[in-house]
Amino acid sequence: MSTSTYSPQMPRSTATDVAAATAFSDGSHLHRRISWGAIFGGVIIVVAIQLLLSLLGAGIGLGTVNANAASTQAAGSLGMGAGIWWVVSSCIALFAGGYVAAWLAGIEIRFDGILHGLVTWGIATLLTFWLLTSAIGGIIGGGFSALSTLAGAAGSGISDAAKPAAQATGISPDMVKQQAQSYLQPANPDPATMSPQDAQKEVASNLATYAKGGSDAPAAKEKVVAIMAAQLKISHDDAAKQFDANQAKLKQVRDQAIQSAKTAADDSAAAVSTASFAGLVVLLLGLIAAAIGGSLAVQRRTMVTPHTDGRVSTSTRA
């Protein structure tokens, strides 16, 4: 669109302005290529709109929960709806932020508008992650950590104050008792004369040695079998069979636990992988929305061109 006007007596100041405008009629523009103030305003718009839409979605979602009614939606449906709403609200907020940033900067070139939208998207994304990980989480976690530290320090101080002098030097009554029992316990106790408590302690000690393997494992197994035969009043062969059966059950339980741990690790890795790809898609959608918003905010500029006969032409183009 172009219009033409004629001014035979044009003032000197107007002529200077026209000459300045004509100097940029080759396609360059008057504003700076980047406006950080405009980008900052766009980021504020992104955060504010995202907050408003998040509160709106939370209000709508929680409003559908009715514990007394049988028509309450399942948790999976609510989670899916919340995820979709979060993606949509993020795209809307980033589109608006990119548009505002490019418009306030007075962008005249579409590519510059796209770049303003992308920079707004980048800063808003970093700000969102910082708020979620550093600010909010740090304040809450730091507060609880401080309370826990204070409580632990107070409890430790009370415990230290209640310790007797002997315990403060590293010698406790329990340690003295255990050492006295070790002095009075024979090196090779007879399984038939052991008390149930001593038999349990001896079995536990030898089972630890048997689990480690090596050259001491057969002797440890034989000692456990002897204790079992004496305490249960069964034959040595029956005790050995019972020992082997218990070890087989223990191995089966251990193998099942290892397999369950591997399955859980695989499931966790798959869940993290899926969440990572989903986050990537959400970020790309937000990037596209911000770029579109910045490109649509391109403003038309008026080109003023004087002619030798005094006529002035003005043309408006994007």
C-alpha atoms as a PDB file:
ATOM      1  CA  MET A   1       0.000   0.000   0.000  1.00  0.00           C
ATOM      2  CA  SER A   2       1.478   3.401  -0.950  1.00  0.00           C
ATOM      3  CA  THR A   3       0.231   6.986  -0.938  1.00  0.00           C
ATOM      4  CA  SER A   4       1.752  10.149  -2.416  1.00  0.00           C
ATOM      5  CA  THR A   5       1.548  13.745  -1.188  1.00  0.00           C
ATOM      6  CA  TYR A   6       2.943  16.981  -2.572  1.00  0.00           C
ATOM      7  CA  SER A   7       4.551  19.735  -0.496  1.00  0.00           C
ATOM      8  CA  PRO A   8       6.190  22.492  -2.584  1.00  0.00           C
ATOM      9  CA  GLN A   9       7.262  24.481   0.491  1.00  0.00           C
ATOM     10  CA  MET A  10       8.663  21.913   2.810  1.00  0.00           C
ATOM     11  CA  PRO A  11      10.364  23.213   6.029  1.00  0.00           C
ATOM     12  CA  ARG A  12      14.035  22.544   6.572  1.00  0.00           C
ATOM     13  CA  SER A  13      13.413  20.262   9.595  1.00  0.00           C
ATOM     14  CA  THR A  14      10.920  18.202   7.633  1.00  0.00           C
ATOM     15  CA  ALA A  15      13.332  17.919   4.765  1.00  0.00           C
ATOM     16  CA  THR A  16      16.008  16.680   7.180  1.00  0.00           C
ATOM     17  CA  ASP A  17      13.659  14.065   8.607  1.00  0.00           C
ATOM     18  CA  VAL A  18      12.659  12.955   5.149  1.00  0.00           C
ATOM     19  CA  ALA A  19      16.296  12.656   4.142  1.00  0.00           C
ATOM     20  CA  ALA A  20      16.978  10.571   7.232  1.00  0.00           C
ATOM     21  CA  ALA A  21      14.047   8.322   6.460  1.00  0.00           C
ATOM     22  CA  THR A  22      15.150   8.079   2.829  1.00  0.00           C
ATOM     23  CA  ALA A  23      18.560   6.949   3.948  1.00  0.00           C
ATOM     24  CA  PHE A  24      16.960   3.841   5.395  1.00  0.00           C
ATOM     25  CA  SER A  25      14.750   3.130   2.400  1.00  0.00           C
ATOM     26  CA  ASP A  26      17.213   0.507   1.218  1.00  0.00           C
ATOM     27  CA  GLY A  27      15.763  -2.066   3.630  1.00  0.00           C
ATOM     28  CA  SER A  28      17.597  -1.376   6.889  1.00  0.00           C
ATOM     29  CA  HIS A  29      15.648  -0.296   9.969  1.00  0.00           C
ATOM     30  CA  LEU A  30      15.987   2.346  12.657  1.00  0.00           C
ATOM     31  CA  HIS A  31      15.560   0.231  15.839  1.00  0.00           C
ATOM     32  CA  ARG A  32      18.190  -1.964  17.419  1.00  0.00           C
ATOM     33  CA  ARG A  33      18.284  -5.608  16.375  1.00  0.00           C
ATOM     34  CA  ILE A  34      17.515  -6.761  19.938  1.00  0.00           C
ATOM     35  CA  SER A  35      15.627  -5.080  22.769  1.00  0.00           C
ATOM     36  CA  TRP A  36      16.253  -6.661  26.162  1.00  0.00           C
ATOM     37  CA  GLY A  37      13.605  -4.511  27.764  1.00  0.00           C
ATOM     38  CA  ALA A  38      10.998  -5.854  25.368  1.00  0.00           C
ATOM     39  CA  ILE A  39      12.203  -9.424  25.950  1.00  0.00           C
ATOM     40  CA  PHE A  40      12.005  -8.921  29.710  1.00  0.00           C
ATOM     41  CA  GLY A  41       8.425  -7.706  29.294  1.00  0.00           C
ATOM     42  CA  GLY A  42       7.637 -10.779  27.207  1.00  0.00           C
ATOM     43  CA  VAL A  43       9.067 -13.076  29.879  1.00  0.00           C
ATOM     44  CA  ILE A  44       6.897 -11.406  32.514  1.00  0.00           C
ATOM     45  CA  ILE A  45       3.855 -11.975  30.314  1.00  0.00           C
ATOM     46  CA  VAL A  46       4.804 -15.646  29.889  1.00  0.00           C
ATOM     47  CA  VAL A  47       5.139 -16.273  33.628  1.00  0.00           C
ATOM     48  CA  ALA A  48       1.987 -14.347  34.499  1.00  0.00           C
ATOM     49  CA  ILE A  49      -0.202 -16.054  31.880  1.00  0.00           C
ATOM     50  CA  GLN A  50       1.218 -19.465  32.759  1.00  0.00           C
ATOM     51  CA  LEU A  51       0.372 -18.865  36.420  1.00  0.00           C
ATOM     52  CA  LEU A  52      -3.157 -17.713  35.608  1.00  0.00           C
ATOM     53  CA  LEU A  53      -3.869 -20.641  33.312  1.00  0.00           C
ATOM     54  CA  SER A  54      -2.367 -23.121  35.785  1.00  0.00           C
ATOM     55  CA  LEU A  55      -4.635 -21.829  38.549  1.00  0.00           C
ATOM     56  CA  LEU A  56      -7.585 -21.984  36.174  1.00  0.00           C
ATOM     57  CA  GLY A  57      -6.784 -25.577  35.225  1.00  0.00           C
ATOM     58  CA  ALA A  58      -6.335 -26.575  38.870  1.00  0.00           C
ATOM     59  CA  GLY A  59      -9.670 -25.009  39.747  1.00  0.00           C
ATOM     60  CA  ILE A  60     -11.478 -26.788  36.933  1.00  0.00           C
ATOM     61  CA  GLY A  61      -9.775 -30.127  37.593  1.00  0.00           C
ATOM     62  CA  LEU A  62     -10.342 -30.124  41.334  1.00  0.00           C
ATOM     63  CA  GLY A  63     -13.898 -28.962  40.804  1.00  0.00           C
ATOM     64  CA  THR A  64     -14.693 -32.256  39.104  1.00  0.00           C
ATOM     65  CA  VAL A  65     -13.655 -34.262  42.179  1.00  0.00           C
ATOM     66  CA  ASN A  66     -16.622 -35.412  44.227  1.00  0.00           C
ATOM     67  CA  ALA A  67     -15.845 -38.187  46.678  1.00  0.00           C
ATOM     68  CA  ASN A  68     -19.528 -38.744  47.494  1.00  0.00           C
ATOM     69  CA  ALA A  69     -20.557 -39.244  43.883  1.00  0.00           C
ATOM     70  CA  ALA A  70     -19.870 -42.312  41.811  1.00  0.00           C
ATOM     71  CA  SER A  71     -19.092 -40.202  38.741  1.00  0.00           C
ATOM     72  CA  THR A  72     -15.739 -38.942  40.035  1.00  0.00           C
ATOM     73  CA  GLN A  73     -13.083 -39.222  37.362  1.00  0.00           C
ATOM     74  CA  ALA A  74     -10.220 -41.630  37.821  1.00  0.00           C
ATOM     75  CA  ALA A  75      -6.785 -40.419  38.822  1.00  0.00           C
ATOM     76  CA  GLY A  76      -5.407 -41.422  35.416  1.00  0.00           C
ATOM     77  CA  SER A  77      -7.941 -39.265  33.604  1.00  0.00           C
ATOM     78  CA  LEU A  78      -7.212 -36.298  35.854  1.00  0.00           C
ATOM     79  CA  GLY A  79      -3.488 -36.735  35.299  1.00  0.00           C
ATOM     80  CA  MET A  80      -3.895 -36.907  31.523  1.00  0.00           C
ATOM     81  CA  GLY A  81      -6.116 -33.834  31.519  1.00  0.00           C
ATOM     82  CA  ALA A  82      -3.648 -31.929  33.691  1.00  0.00           C
ATOM     83  CA  GLY A  83      -0.799 -32.812  31.337  1.00  0.00           C
ATOM     84  CA  ILE A  84      -2.712 -31.704  28.239  1.00  0.00           C
ATOM     85  CA  TRP A  85      -3.781 -28.467  29.939  1.00  0.00           C
ATOM     86  CA  TRP A  86      -0.194 -27.759  30.961  1.00  0.00           C
ATOM     87  CA  VAL A  87       1.015 -28.161  27.365  1.00  0.00           C
ATOM     88  CA  VAL A  88      -1.770 -25.965  25.984  1.00  0.00           C
ATOM     89  CA  SER A  89      -1.324 -23.266  28.629  1.00  0.00           C
ATOM     90  CA  SER A  90       2.455 -23.225  28.066  1.00  0.00           C
ATOM     91  CA  CYS A  91       2.001 -22.750  24.322  1.00  0.00           C
ATOM     92  CA  ILE A  92      -0.523 -19.937  24.870  1.00  0.00           C
ATOM     93  CA  ALA A  93       1.729 -18.167  27.376  1.00  0.00           C
ATOM     94  CA  LEU A  94       4.811 -18.456  25.167  1.00  0.00           C
ATOM     95  CA  PHE A  95       2.910 -17.284  22.084  1.00  0.00           C
ATOM     96  CA  ALA A  96       1.733 -14.207  23.980  1.00  0.00           C
ATOM     97  CA  GLY A  97       5.203 -13.597  25.411  1.00  0.00           C
ATOM     98  CA  GLY A  98       6.891 -13.831  22.015  1.00  0.00           C
ATOM     99  CA  TYR A  99       4.289 -11.517  20.485  1.00  0.00           C
ATOM    100  CA  VAL A 100       4.682  -8.923  23.249  1.00  0.00           C
ATOM    101  CA  ALA A 101       8.487  -9.015  23.060  1.00  0.00           C
ATOM    102  CA  ALA A 102       8.556  -8.500  19.289  1.00  0.00           C
ATOM    103  CA  TRP A 103       5.828  -5.833  19.372  1.00  0.00           C
ATOM    104  CA  LEU A 104       7.441  -3.776  22.129  1.00  0.00           C
ATOM    105  CA  ALA A 105      10.758  -3.926  20.295  1.00  0.00           C
ATOM    106  CA  GLY A 106       9.145  -2.407  17.193  1.00  0.00           C
ATOM    107  CA  ILE A 107      10.259  -5.267  14.996  1.00  0.00           C
ATOM    108  CA  GLU A 108      10.057  -4.554  11.261  1.00  0.00           C
ATOM    109  CA  ILE A 109      11.754  -7.702   9.967  1.00  0.00           C
ATOM    110  CA  ARG A 110       9.997 -11.013  10.471  1.00  0.00           C
ATOM    111  CA  PHE A 111      13.186 -12.942  11.207  1.00  0.00           C
ATOM    112  CA  ASP A 112      14.043 -10.492  13.996  1.00  0.00           C
ATOM    113  CA  GLY A 113      10.590 -11.057  15.449  1.00  0.00           C
ATOM    114  CA  ILE A 114      11.157 -14.822  15.420  1.00  0.00           C
ATOM    115  CA  LEU A 115      14.487 -14.347  17.178  1.00  0.00           C
ATOM    116  CA  HIS A 116      12.866 -12.185  19.859  1.00  0.00           C
ATOM    117  CA  GLY A 117      10.292 -14.911  20.391  1.00  0.00           C
ATOM    118  CA  LEU A 118      13.001 -17.578  20.671  1.00  0.00           C
ATOM    119  CA  VAL A 119      15.023 -15.556  23.174  1.00  0.00           C
ATOM    120  CA  THR A 120      11.868 -14.966  25.212  1.00  0.00           C
ATOM    121  CA  TRP A 121      11.165 -18.712  25.153  1.00  0.00           C
ATOM    122  CA  GLY A 122      14.701 -19.524  26.278  1.00  0.00           C
ATOM    123  CA  ILE A 123      14.715 -17.092  29.205  1.00  0.00           C
ATOM    124  CA  ALA A 124      11.212 -18.100  30.299  1.00  0.00           C
ATOM    125  CA  THR A 125      12.170 -21.790  30.198  1.00  0.00           C
ATOM    126  CA  LEU A 126      15.336 -21.243  32.231  1.00  0.00           C
ATOM    127  CA  LEU A 127      13.409 -19.071  34.699  1.00  0.00           C
ATOM    128  CA  THR A 128      10.742 -21.745  35.122  1.00  0.00           C
ATOM    129  CA  PHE A 129      13.294 -24.466  35.831  1.00  0.00           C
ATOM    130  CA  TRP A 130      15.144 -22.181  38.229  1.00  0.00           C
ATOM    131  CA  LEU A 131      11.961 -21.377  40.137  1.00  0.00           C
ATOM    132  CA  LEU A 132      11.031 -25.054  40.388  1.00  0.00           C
ATOM    133  CA  THR A 133      14.485 -26.339  41.358  1.00  0.00           C
ATOM    134  CA  SER A 134      16.275 -23.513  43.134  1.00  0.00           C
ATOM    135  CA  ALA A 135      13.825 -21.011  44.550  1.00  0.00           C
ATOM    136  CA  ILE A 136      10.749 -22.934  45.681  1.00  0.00           C
ATOM    137  CA  GLY A 137      12.396 -26.309  46.233  1.00  0.00           C
ATOM    138  CA  GLY A 138      15.434 -24.733  47.854  1.00  0.00           C
ATOM    139  CA  ILE A 139      13.372 -22.678  50.280  1.00  0.00           C
ATOM    140  CA  ILE A 140      11.161 -25.592  51.318  1.00  0.00           C
ATOM    141  CA  GLY A 141      13.967 -28.146  51.393  1.00  0.00           C
ATOM    142  CA  GLY A 142      16.300 -25.710  53.128  1.00  0.00           C
ATOM    143  CA  GLY A 143      13.714 -24.946  55.780  1.00  0.00           C
ATOM    144  CA  PHE A 144      13.101 -28.603  56.573  1.00  0.00           C
ATOM    145  CA  SER A 145      16.828 -29.293  56.443  1.00  0.00           C
ATOM    146  CA  ALA A 146      17.473 -26.491  58.911  1.00  0.00           C
ATOM    147  CA  LEU A 147      14.782 -27.794  61.266  1.00  0.00           C
ATOM    148  CA  SER A 148      16.145 -31.315  60.987  1.00  0.00           C
ATOM    149  CA  THR A 149      19.666 -30.102  61.671  1.00  0.00           C
ATOM    150  CA  LEU A 150      18.561 -28.125  64.704  1.00  0.00           C
ATOM    151  CA  ALA A 151      16.534 -31.035  66.058  1.00  0.00           C
ATOM    152  CA  GLY A 152      19.421 -33.439  65.489  1.00  0.00           C
ATOM    153  CA  ALA A 153      21.862 -31.083  67.169  1.00  0.00           C
ATOM    154  CA  ALA A 154      19.532 -30.632  70.134  1.00  0.00           C
ATOM    155  CA  GLY A 155      19.029 -34.394  70.494  1.00  0.00           C
ATOM    156  CA  SER A 156      22.758 -35.009  70.200  1.00  0.00           C
ATOM    157  CA  GLY A 157      23.459 -32.420  72.862  1.00  0.00           C
ATOM    158  CA  ILE A 158      20.959 -33.974  75.265  1.00  0.00           C
ATOM    159  CA  SER A 159      22.367 -37.434  74.605  1.00  0.00           C
ATOM    160  CA  ASP A 160      25.934 -36.263  75.154  1.00  0.00           C
ATOM    161  CA  ALA A 161      24.930 -34.526  78.354  1.00  0.00           C
ATOM    162  CA  ALA A 162      23.339 -37.729  79.652  1.00  0.00           C
ATOM    163  CA  LYS A 163      26.366 -39.936  78.955  1.00  0.00           C
ATOM    164  CA  PRO A 164      28.411 -40.985  81.946  1.00  0.00           C
ATOM    165  CA  ALA A 165      32.078 -40.222  82.118  1.00  0.00           C
ATOM    166  CA  ALA A 166      33.109 -43.755  81.252  1.00  0.00           C
ATOM    167  CA  GLN A 167      30.981 -43.798  78.108  1.00  0.00           C
ATOM    168  CA  ALA A 168      32.266 -40.394  77.047  1.00  0.00           C
ATOM    169  CA  THR A 169      35.786 -41.871  77.001  1.00  0.00           C
ATOM    170  CA  GLY A 170      34.657 -44.623  74.595  1.00  0.00           C
ATOM    171  CA  ILE A 171      33.890 -47.409  77.093  1.00  0.00           C
ATOM    172  CA  SER A 172      30.225 -48.266  77.555  1.00  0.00           C
ATOM    173  CA  PRO A 173      28.649 -50.855  79.886  1.00  0.00           C
ATOM    174  CA  ASP A 174      27.470 -52.871  76.870  1.00  0.00           C
ATOM    175  CA  MET A 175      31.000 -53.039  75.512  1.00  0.00           C
ATOM    176  CA  VAL A 176      32.335 -54.209  78.879  1.00  0.00           C
ATOM    177  CA  LYS A 177      29.600 -56.854  79.089  1.00  0.00           C
ATOM    178  CA  GLN A 178      30.310 -58.196  75.609  1.00  0.00           C
ATOM    179  CA  GLN A 179      34.026 -58.328  76.293  1.00  0.00           C
ATOM    180  CA  ALA A 180      33.437 -60.221  79.565  1.00  0.00           C
ATOM    181  CA  GLN A 181      31.252 -62.758  77.746  1.00  0.00           C
ATOM    182  CA  SER A 182      33.949 -63.294  75.139  1.00  0.00           C
ATOM    183  CA  TYR A 183      36.476 -63.958  77.926  1.00  0.00           C
ATOM    184  CA  LEU A 184      34.275 -66.612  79.534  1.00  0.00           C
ATOM    185  CA  GLN A 185      33.159 -68.288  76.285  1.00  0.00           C
ATOM    186  CA  PRO A 186      35.211 -71.343  75.266  1.00  0.00           C
ATOM    187  CA  ALA A 187      36.984 -71.404  71.933  1.00  0.00           C
ATOM    188  CA  ASN A 188      35.188 -74.558  70.687  1.00  0.00           C
ATOM    189  CA  PRO A 189      31.927 -74.820  72.627  1.00  0.00           C
ATOM    190  CA  ASP A 190      30.071 -78.116  72.663  1.00  0.00           C
ATOM    191  CA  PRO A 191      26.846 -77.805  70.632  1.00  0.00           C
ATOM    192  CA  ALA A 192      25.039 -80.150  73.019  1.00  0.00           C
ATOM    193  CA  THR A 193      25.729 -77.946  76.037  1.00  0.00           C
ATOM    194  CA  MET A 194      25.014 -74.590  74.378  1.00  0.00           C
ATOM    195  CA  SER A 195      22.095 -72.458  75.472  1.00  0.00           C
ATOM    196  CA  PRO A 196      19.623 -71.437  72.746  1.00  0.00           C
ATOM    197  CA  GLN A 197      20.968 -67.890  72.829  1.00  0.00           C
ATOM    198  CA  ASP A 198      24.583 -68.998  72.455  1.00  0.00           C
ATOM    199  CA  ALA A 199      23.589 -71.447  69.720  1.00  0.00           C
ATOM    200  CA  GLN A 200      21.889 -68.673  67.745  1.00  0.00           C
ATOM    201  CA  LYS A 201      24.941 -66.432  68.075  1.00  0.00           C
ATOM    202  CA  GLU A 202      27.254 -69.210  66.958  1.00  0.00           C
ATOM    203  CA  VAL A 203      25.043 -70.090  63.975  1.00  0.00           C
ATOM    204  CA  ALA A 204      24.850 -66.446  62.908  1.00  0.00           C
ATOM    205  CA  SER A 205      28.624 -66.085  63.110  1.00  0.00           C
ATOM    206  CA  ASN A 206      29.270 -69.219  61.088  1.00  0.00           C
ATOM    207  CA  LEU A 207      26.606 -68.372  58.514  1.00  0.00           C
ATOM    208  CA  ALA A 208      28.406 -65.089  57.861  1.00  0.00           C
ATOM    209  CA  THR A 209      31.636 -67.034  57.345  1.00  0.00           C
ATOM    210  CA  TYR A 210      29.856 -69.544  55.066  1.00  0.00           C
ATOM    211  CA  ALA A 211      28.303 -66.734  52.986  1.00  0.00           C
ATOM    212  CA  LYS A 212      31.728 -65.221  52.338  1.00  0.00           C
ATOM    213  CA  GLY A 213      32.938 -68.486  50.815  1.00  0.00           C
ATOM    214  CA  GLY A 214      36.550 -69.501  50.635  1.00  0.00           C
ATOM    215  CA  SER A 215      38.426 -72.208  52.487  1.00  0.00           C
ATOM    216  CA  ASP A 216      36.594 -71.552  55.787  1.00  0.00           C
ATOM    217  CA  ALA A 217      33.121 -72.135  54.309  1.00  0.00           C
ATOM    218  CA  PRO A 218      33.043 -75.985  54.659  1.00  0.00           C
ATOM    219  CA  ALA A 219      34.125 -75.828  58.298  1.00  0.00           C
ATOM    220  CA  ALA A 220      31.540 -73.139  59.038  1.00  0.00           C
ATOM    221  CA  LYS A 221      28.815 -75.248  57.402  1.00  0.00           C
ATOM    222  CA  GLU A 222      29.822 -78.308  59.385  1.00  0.00           C
ATOM    223  CA  LYS A 223      29.690 -76.347  62.622  1.00  0.00           C
ATOM    224  CA  VAL A 224      26.221 -74.991  61.825  1.00  0.00           C
ATOM    225  CA  VAL A 225      24.982 -78.497  60.985  1.00  0.00           C
ATOM    226  CA  ALA A 226      26.382 -79.843  64.241  1.00  0.00           C
ATOM    227  CA  ILE A 227      24.670 -77.114  66.244  1.00  0.00           C
ATOM    228  CA  MET A 228      21.380 -77.752  64.441  1.00  0.00           C
ATOM    229  CA  ALA A 229      21.574 -81.491  65.115  1.00  0.00           C
ATOM    230  CA  ALA A 230      22.300 -80.938  68.799  1.00  0.00           C
ATOM    231  CA  GLN A 231      19.727 -78.245  69.378  1.00  0.00           C
ATOM    232  CA  LEU A 232      16.923 -79.842  67.325  1.00  0.00           C
ATOM    233  CA  LYS A 233      17.838 -83.377  68.510  1.00  0.00           C
ATOM    234  CA  ILE A 234      17.955 -84.798  65.031  1.00  0.00           C
ATOM    235  CA  SER A 235      20.555 -86.763  63.136  1.00  0.00           C
ATOM    236  CA  HIS A 236      23.506 -85.154  61.418  1.00  0.00           C
ATOM    237  CA  ASP A 237      22.202 -86.132  57.964  1.00  0.00           C
ATOM    238  CA  ASP A 238      18.775 -84.641  58.661  1.00  0.00           C
ATOM    239  CA  ALA A 239      20.394 -81.439  59.895  1.00  0.00           C
ATOM    240  CA  ALA A 240      22.527 -81.303  56.743  1.00  0.00           C
ATOM    241  CA  LYS A 241      19.457 -81.792  54.527  1.00  0.00           C
ATOM    242  CA  GLN A 242      17.594 -79.091  56.426  1.00  0.00           C
ATOM    243  CA  PHE A 243      20.580 -76.754  56.068  1.00  0.00           C
ATOM    244  CA  ASP A 244      20.770 -77.360  52.312  1.00  0.00           C
ATOM    245  CA  ALA A 245      16.996 -76.849  51.957  1.00  0.00           C
ATOM    246  CA  ASN A 246      17.158 -73.562  53.840  1.00  0.00           C
ATOM    247  CA  GLN A 247      20.088 -72.402  51.728  1.00  0.00           C
ATOM    248  CA  ALA A 248      18.170 -73.298  48.548  1.00  0.00           C
ATOM    249  CA  LYS A 249      15.161 -71.272  49.721  1.00  0.00           C
ATOM    250  CA  LEU A 250      17.426 -68.377  50.644  1.00  0.00           C
ATOM    251  CA  LYS A 251      19.067 -68.488  47.214  1.00  0.00           C
ATOM    252  CA  GLN A 252      15.651 -68.539  45.534  1.00  0.00           C
ATOM    253  CA  VAL A 253      14.481 -65.542  47.539  1.00  0.00           C
ATOM    254  CA  ARG A 254      17.725 -63.722  46.776  1.00  0.00           C
ATOM    255  CA  ASP A 255      17.414 -64.454  43.050  1.00  0.00           C
ATOM    256  CA  GLN A 256      13.806 -63.247  43.057  1.00  0.00           C
ATOM    257  CA  ALA A 257      14.838 -60.069  44.836  1.00  0.00           C
ATOM    258  CA  ILE A 258      17.617 -59.456  42.295  1.00  0.00           C
ATOM    259  CA  GLN A 259      15.231 -60.068  39.404  1.00  0.00           C
ATOM    260  CA  SER A 260      12.639 -57.747  40.944  1.00  0.00           C
ATOM    261  CA  ALA A 261      15.291 -55.076  41.371  1.00  0.00           C
ATOM    262  CA  LYS A 262      16.358 -55.449  37.733  1.00  0.00           C
ATOM    263  CA  THR A 263      12.731 -55.237  36.558  1.00  0.00           C
ATOM    264  CA  ALA A 264      12.135 -52.145  38.671  1.00  0.00           C
ATOM    265  CA  ALA A 265      15.310 -50.557  37.292  1.00  0.00           C
ATOM    266  CA  ASP A 266      14.209 -51.284  33.716  1.00  0.00           C
ATOM    267  CA  ASP A 267      10.745 -49.855  34.384  1.00  0.00           C
ATOM    268  CA  SER A 268      12.246 -46.759  35.971  1.00  0.00           C
ATOM    269  CA  ALA A 269      14.601 -46.250  33.037  1.00  0.00           C
ATOM    270  CA  ALA A 270      11.713 -46.620  30.582  1.00  0.00           C
ATOM    271  CA  ALA A 271       9.606 -44.146  32.565  1.00  0.00           C
ATOM    272  CA  VAL A 272      12.439 -41.620  32.694  1.00  0.00           C
ATOM    273  CA  SER A 273      13.047 -42.049  28.965  1.00  0.00           C
ATOM    274  CA  THR A 274       9.373 -41.486  28.185  1.00  0.00           C
ATOM    275  CA  ALA A 275       9.239 -38.444  30.439  1.00  0.00           C
ATOM    276  CA  SER A 276      12.359 -37.027  28.783  1.00  0.00           C
ATOM    277  CA  PHE A 277      10.910 -37.371  25.292  1.00  0.00           C
ATOM    278  CA  ALA A 278       7.617 -35.871  26.484  1.00  0.00           C
ATOM    279  CA  GLY A 279       9.484 -32.920  27.990  1.00  0.00           C
ATOM    280  CA  LEU A 280      11.387 -32.466  24.743  1.00  0.00           C
ATOM    281  CA  VAL A 281       8.134 -32.379  22.756  1.00  0.00           C
ATOM    282  CA  VAL A 282       6.629 -29.833  25.166  1.00  0.00           C
ATOM    283  CA  LEU A 283       9.691 -27.591  24.900  1.00  0.00           C
ATOM    284  CA  LEU A 284       9.658 -27.787  21.109  1.00  0.00           C
ATOM    285  CA  LEU A 285       5.954 -26.902  21.025  1.00  0.00           C
ATOM    286  CA  GLY A 286       6.624 -23.913  23.269  1.00  0.00           C
ATOM    287  CA  LEU A 287       9.531 -22.848  21.065  1.00  0.00           C
ATOM    288  CA  ILE A 288       7.322 -22.993  17.965  1.00  0.00           C
ATOM    289  CA  ALA A 289       4.554 -21.034  19.702  1.00  0.00           C
ATOM    290  CA  ALA A 290       6.975 -18.294  20.810  1.00  0.00           C
ATOM    291  CA  ALA A 291       8.494 -18.066  17.312  1.00  0.00           C
ATOM    292  CA  ILE A 292       5.046 -17.763  15.704  1.00  0.00           C
ATOM    293  CA  GLY A 293       4.047 -15.075  18.203  1.00  0.00           C
ATOM    294  CA  GLY A 294       7.209 -13.102  17.474  1.00  0.00           C
ATOM    295  CA  SER A 295       6.758 -13.400  13.710  1.00  0.00           C
ATOM    296  CA  LEU A 296       3.154 -12.181  13.837  1.00  0.00           C
ATOM    297  CA  ALA A 297       4.148  -9.061  15.785  1.00  0.00           C
ATOM    298  CA  VAL A 298       6.032  -7.583  12.815  1.00  0.00           C
ATOM    299  CA  GLN A 299       4.993  -3.936  12.480  1.00  0.00           C
ATOM    300  CA  ARG A 300       4.534  -2.083   9.231  1.00  0.00           C
ATOM    301  CA  ARG A 301       6.893   0.837   8.659  1.00  0.00           C
ATOM    302  CA  THR A 302       6.309   3.989   6.697  1.00  0.00           C
ATOM    303  CA  MET A 303       8.862   4.817   4.038  1.00  0.00           C
ATOM    304  CA  VAL A 304       9.130   8.500   3.075  1.00  0.00           C
ATOM    305  CA  THR A 305      10.848   9.308  -0.209  1.00  0.00           C
ATOM    306  CA  PRO A 306      11.236  12.919  -1.503  1.00  0.00           C
ATOM    307  CA  HIS A 307      11.472  13.665  -5.190  1.00  0.00           C
ATOM    308  CA  THR A 308      13.377  16.370  -7.058  1.00  0.00           C
ATOM    309  CA  ASP A 309      10.199  18.197  -7.979  1.00  0.00           C
ATOM    310  CA  GLY A 310       9.222  18.590  -4.297  1.00  0.00           C
ATOM    311  CA  ARG A 311       6.793  15.718  -4.263  1.00  0.00           C
ATOM    312  CA  VAL A 312       6.933  13.357  -1.235  1.00  0.00           C
ATOM    313  CA  SER A 313       5.959   9.685  -1.484  1.00  0.00           C
ATOM    314  CA  THR A 314       5.095   7.574   1.567  1.00  0.00           C
ATOM    315  CA  SER A 315       4.766   3.832   1.390  1.00  0.00           C
ATOM    316  CA  THR A 316       3.860   1.393   4.137  1.00  0.00           C
ATOM    317  CA  ARG A 317       5.173  -2.120   4.084  1.00  0.00           C
ATOM    318  CA  ALA A 318       6.141  -4.887   6.495  1.00  0.00           C
END
